[in-house]
Amino acid sequence: MRWIAKDSERKPDPAPITGTLRLAVLIGLIGFAISLVVCVVFYDQITSPNKAWYPYTCVVGLVLGVLAWFKVGNR
């Protein structure tokens, strides 16, 4: 296995992905919101000591997603 390829052997760079970062952030926000609703609805069934952090993870994901929403702008 060679670590460095010659320029003549290199494949062309792939085309950039079309889409917006806001769409990716929105999909993540929707996923965390759905997860939070599921965690709250079934909270009695997941309140064992080693699983009590599930709802907090969803809340942190939502907070970070909102911050990302304003950070990425219209990229």
N, C-alpha and C. Protein backbone atom coordinates (compact mmCIF):
# COMPACT_ATOMS: atom_id res chain seq x y z
N MET A 1 0.84 -1.18 0.00
CA MET A 1 0.00 0.00 0.00
C MET A 1 0.89 1.24 0.00
N ARG A 2 0.60 2.15 -0.92
CA ARG A 2 1.37 3.38 -0.99
C ARG A 2 0.59 4.51 -0.35
N TRP A 3 1.28 5.37 0.33
CA TRP A 3 0.62 6.49 1.01
C TRP A 3 0.50 7.70 0.10
N ILE A 4 1.40 7.84 -0.84
CA ILE A 4 1.38 9.01 -1.71
C ILE A 4 1.20 8.53 -3.14
N ALA A 5 0.20 9.08 -3.81
CA ALA A 5 -0.05 8.72 -5.21
C ALA A 5 0.49 9.82 -6.11
N LYS A 6 0.91 9.42 -7.27
CA LYS A 6 1.38 10.40 -8.25
C LYS A 6 0.19 11.18 -8.78
N ASP A 7 0.44 12.37 -9.29
CA ASP A 7 -0.65 13.19 -9.82
C ASP A 7 -1.36 12.50 -10.97
N SER A 8 -0.66 11.73 -11.75
CA SER A 8 -1.29 11.05 -12.88
C SER A 8 -2.19 9.91 -12.42
N GLU A 9 -2.00 9.40 -11.21
CA GLU A 9 -2.79 8.28 -10.69
C GLU A 9 -3.97 8.73 -9.84
N ARG A 10 -4.01 10.00 -9.51
CA ARG A 10 -5.06 10.50 -8.63
C ARG A 10 -6.40 10.56 -9.35
N LYS A 11 -7.45 10.27 -8.62
CA LYS A 11 -8.80 10.43 -9.15
C LYS A 11 -9.19 11.89 -9.02
N PRO A 12 -10.10 12.38 -9.85
CA PRO A 12 -10.52 13.77 -9.71
C PRO A 12 -11.30 13.98 -8.41
N ASP A 13 -11.25 15.20 -7.91
CA ASP A 13 -11.98 15.52 -6.69
C ASP A 13 -13.48 15.39 -6.94
N PRO A 14 -14.23 14.91 -5.95
CA PRO A 14 -15.68 14.79 -6.13
C PRO A 14 -16.33 16.18 -6.17
N ALA A 15 -17.49 16.23 -6.77
CA ALA A 15 -18.24 17.48 -6.83
C ALA A 15 -18.75 17.83 -5.43
N PRO A 16 -18.86 19.10 -5.13
CA PRO A 16 -19.37 19.48 -3.81
C PRO A 16 -20.82 19.01 -3.63
N ILE A 17 -21.18 18.76 -2.41
CA ILE A 17 -22.54 18.32 -2.09
C ILE A 17 -23.48 19.52 -2.26
N THR A 18 -24.58 19.28 -2.95
CA THR A 18 -25.57 20.35 -3.09
C THR A 18 -26.55 20.23 -1.94
N GLY A 19 -26.84 21.33 -1.35
CA GLY A 19 -27.75 21.36 -0.21
C GLY A 19 -27.31 22.46 0.74
N THR A 20 -28.11 22.71 1.71
CA THR A 20 -27.78 23.77 2.65
C THR A 20 -27.50 23.17 4.01
N LEU A 21 -26.65 23.85 4.75
CA LEU A 21 -26.37 23.41 6.11
C LEU A 21 -27.60 23.58 6.99
N ARG A 22 -28.40 24.58 6.69
CA ARG A 22 -29.61 24.78 7.50
C ARG A 22 -30.55 23.58 7.40
N LEU A 23 -30.60 22.95 6.25
CA LEU A 23 -31.44 21.75 6.10
C LEU A 23 -30.92 20.63 6.99
N ALA A 24 -29.61 20.46 7.03
CA ALA A 24 -29.02 19.42 7.87
C ALA A 24 -29.29 19.71 9.35
N VAL A 25 -29.16 20.97 9.75
CA VAL A 25 -29.43 21.35 11.13
C VAL A 25 -30.90 21.15 11.45
N LEU A 26 -31.78 21.49 10.53
CA LEU A 26 -33.21 21.32 10.74
C LEU A 26 -33.58 19.85 10.90
N ILE A 27 -32.98 18.99 10.11
CA ILE A 27 -33.26 17.55 10.24
C ILE A 27 -32.79 17.05 11.60
N GLY A 28 -31.63 17.51 12.05
CA GLY A 28 -31.14 17.13 13.38
C GLY A 28 -32.05 17.64 14.49
N LEU A 29 -32.53 18.89 14.36
CA LEU A 29 -33.45 19.44 15.36
C LEU A 29 -34.75 18.64 15.42
N ILE A 30 -35.26 18.28 14.27
CA ILE A 30 -36.50 17.49 14.25
C ILE A 30 -36.26 16.12 14.90
N GLY A 31 -35.12 15.52 14.61
CA GLY A 31 -34.80 14.22 15.22
C GLY A 31 -34.70 14.31 16.73
N PHE A 32 -34.01 15.34 17.24
CA PHE A 32 -33.90 15.50 18.69
C PHE A 32 -35.26 15.84 19.32
N ALA A 33 -36.08 16.62 18.63
CA ALA A 33 -37.40 16.94 19.17
C ALA A 33 -38.28 15.70 19.27
N ILE A 34 -38.25 14.86 18.25
CA ILE A 34 -39.01 13.61 18.29
C ILE A 34 -38.49 12.71 19.40
N SER A 35 -37.16 12.64 19.53
CA SER A 35 -36.57 11.83 20.60
C SER A 35 -36.96 12.33 21.97
N LEU A 36 -37.01 13.65 22.14
CA LEU A 36 -37.41 14.22 23.43
C LEU A 36 -38.86 13.88 23.76
N VAL A 37 -39.73 13.98 22.76
CA VAL A 37 -41.14 13.63 22.99
C VAL A 37 -41.26 12.16 23.39
N VAL A 38 -40.54 11.28 22.70
CA VAL A 38 -40.59 9.85 23.03
C VAL A 38 -40.05 9.61 24.43
N CYS A 39 -38.97 10.30 24.80
CA CYS A 39 -38.40 10.13 26.14
C CYS A 39 -39.35 10.63 27.23
N VAL A 40 -40.04 11.73 26.96
CA VAL A 40 -40.97 12.26 27.96
C VAL A 40 -42.20 11.36 28.08
N VAL A 41 -42.71 10.88 26.97
CA VAL A 41 -43.90 10.02 27.00
C VAL A 41 -43.60 8.70 27.72
N PHE A 42 -42.43 8.13 27.46
CA PHE A 42 -42.07 6.85 28.06
C PHE A 42 -41.09 7.01 29.22
N TYR A 43 -41.14 8.14 29.91
CA TYR A 43 -40.17 8.42 30.96
C TYR A 43 -40.23 7.39 32.09
N ASP A 44 -41.41 6.92 32.43
CA ASP A 44 -41.53 5.95 33.51
C ASP A 44 -40.84 4.63 33.19
N GLN A 45 -40.73 4.32 31.93
CA GLN A 45 -40.12 3.05 31.54
C GLN A 45 -38.61 3.16 31.35
N ILE A 46 -38.07 4.39 31.31
CA ILE A 46 -36.63 4.54 31.12
C ILE A 46 -35.97 5.22 32.31
N THR A 47 -36.58 5.21 33.46
CA THR A 47 -36.03 5.93 34.61
C THR A 47 -35.09 5.08 35.45
N SER A 48 -34.58 4.01 34.91
CA SER A 48 -33.58 3.26 35.67
C SER A 48 -32.36 4.16 35.84
N PRO A 49 -31.55 3.93 36.87
CA PRO A 49 -30.43 4.84 37.16
C PRO A 49 -29.45 5.02 36.00
N ASN A 50 -29.28 4.03 35.16
CA ASN A 50 -28.31 4.17 34.08
C ASN A 50 -28.91 4.73 32.80
N LYS A 51 -30.20 5.05 32.77
CA LYS A 51 -30.83 5.59 31.57
C LYS A 51 -31.54 6.91 31.82
N ALA A 52 -31.35 7.51 32.96
CA ALA A 52 -32.06 8.75 33.29
C ALA A 52 -31.52 9.94 32.50
N TRP A 53 -30.41 9.80 31.81
CA TRP A 53 -29.80 10.91 31.09
C TRP A 53 -30.34 11.06 29.67
N TYR A 54 -31.18 10.15 29.21
CA TYR A 54 -31.69 10.22 27.84
C TYR A 54 -32.41 11.54 27.53
N PRO A 55 -33.36 11.99 28.36
CA PRO A 55 -34.03 13.26 28.02
C PRO A 55 -33.08 14.45 28.02
N TYR A 56 -32.09 14.42 28.89
CA TYR A 56 -31.14 15.54 28.94
C TYR A 56 -30.29 15.60 27.68
N THR A 57 -30.00 14.46 27.11
CA THR A 57 -29.26 14.42 25.86
C THR A 57 -30.07 15.08 24.75
N CYS A 58 -31.36 14.84 24.72
CA CYS A 58 -32.22 15.45 23.71
C CYS A 58 -32.28 16.96 23.89
N VAL A 59 -32.35 17.42 25.12
CA VAL A 59 -32.41 18.86 25.39
C VAL A 59 -31.11 19.53 24.95
N VAL A 60 -29.97 18.92 25.27
CA VAL A 60 -28.68 19.48 24.86
C VAL A 60 -28.58 19.49 23.34
N GLY A 61 -29.05 18.44 22.69
CA GLY A 61 -29.04 18.41 21.23
C GLY A 61 -29.89 19.51 20.62
N LEU A 62 -31.03 19.79 21.23
CA LEU A 62 -31.88 20.88 20.75
C LEU A 62 -31.21 22.23 20.94
N VAL A 63 -30.59 22.44 22.10
CA VAL A 63 -29.91 23.71 22.36
C VAL A 63 -28.76 23.92 21.38
N LEU A 64 -27.95 22.90 21.18
CA LEU A 64 -26.85 23.01 20.24
C LEU A 64 -27.35 23.18 18.80
N GLY A 65 -28.47 22.57 18.48
CA GLY A 65 -29.05 22.73 17.15
C GLY A 65 -29.54 24.14 16.91
N VAL A 66 -30.15 24.75 17.93
CA VAL A 66 -30.60 26.14 17.79
C VAL A 66 -29.40 27.07 17.63
N LEU A 67 -28.35 26.83 18.41
CA LEU A 67 -27.14 27.63 18.25
C LEU A 67 -26.54 27.45 16.85
N ALA A 68 -26.54 26.24 16.35
CA ALA A 68 -26.01 25.97 15.01
C ALA A 68 -26.85 26.63 13.94
N TRP A 69 -28.17 26.69 14.16
CA TRP A 69 -29.08 27.30 13.20
C TRP A 69 -28.67 28.76 12.95
N PHE A 70 -28.35 29.47 14.01
CA PHE A 70 -27.95 30.87 13.86
C PHE A 70 -26.50 31.00 13.42
N LYS A 71 -25.68 30.04 13.73
CA LYS A 71 -24.26 30.10 13.38
C LYS A 71 -24.03 29.88 11.89
N VAL A 72 -24.73 28.91 11.29
CA VAL A 72 -24.45 28.58 9.89
C VAL A 72 -25.01 29.60 8.92
N GLY A 73 -26.01 30.36 9.30
CA GLY A 73 -26.57 31.35 8.38
C GLY A 73 -27.17 30.70 7.17
N ASN A 74 -26.88 31.25 6.02
CA ASN A 74 -27.43 30.71 4.75
C ASN A 74 -26.36 30.00 3.94
N ARG A 75 -25.52 29.26 4.57
CA ARG A 75 -24.45 28.54 3.85
C ARG A 75 -25.02 27.40 3.07
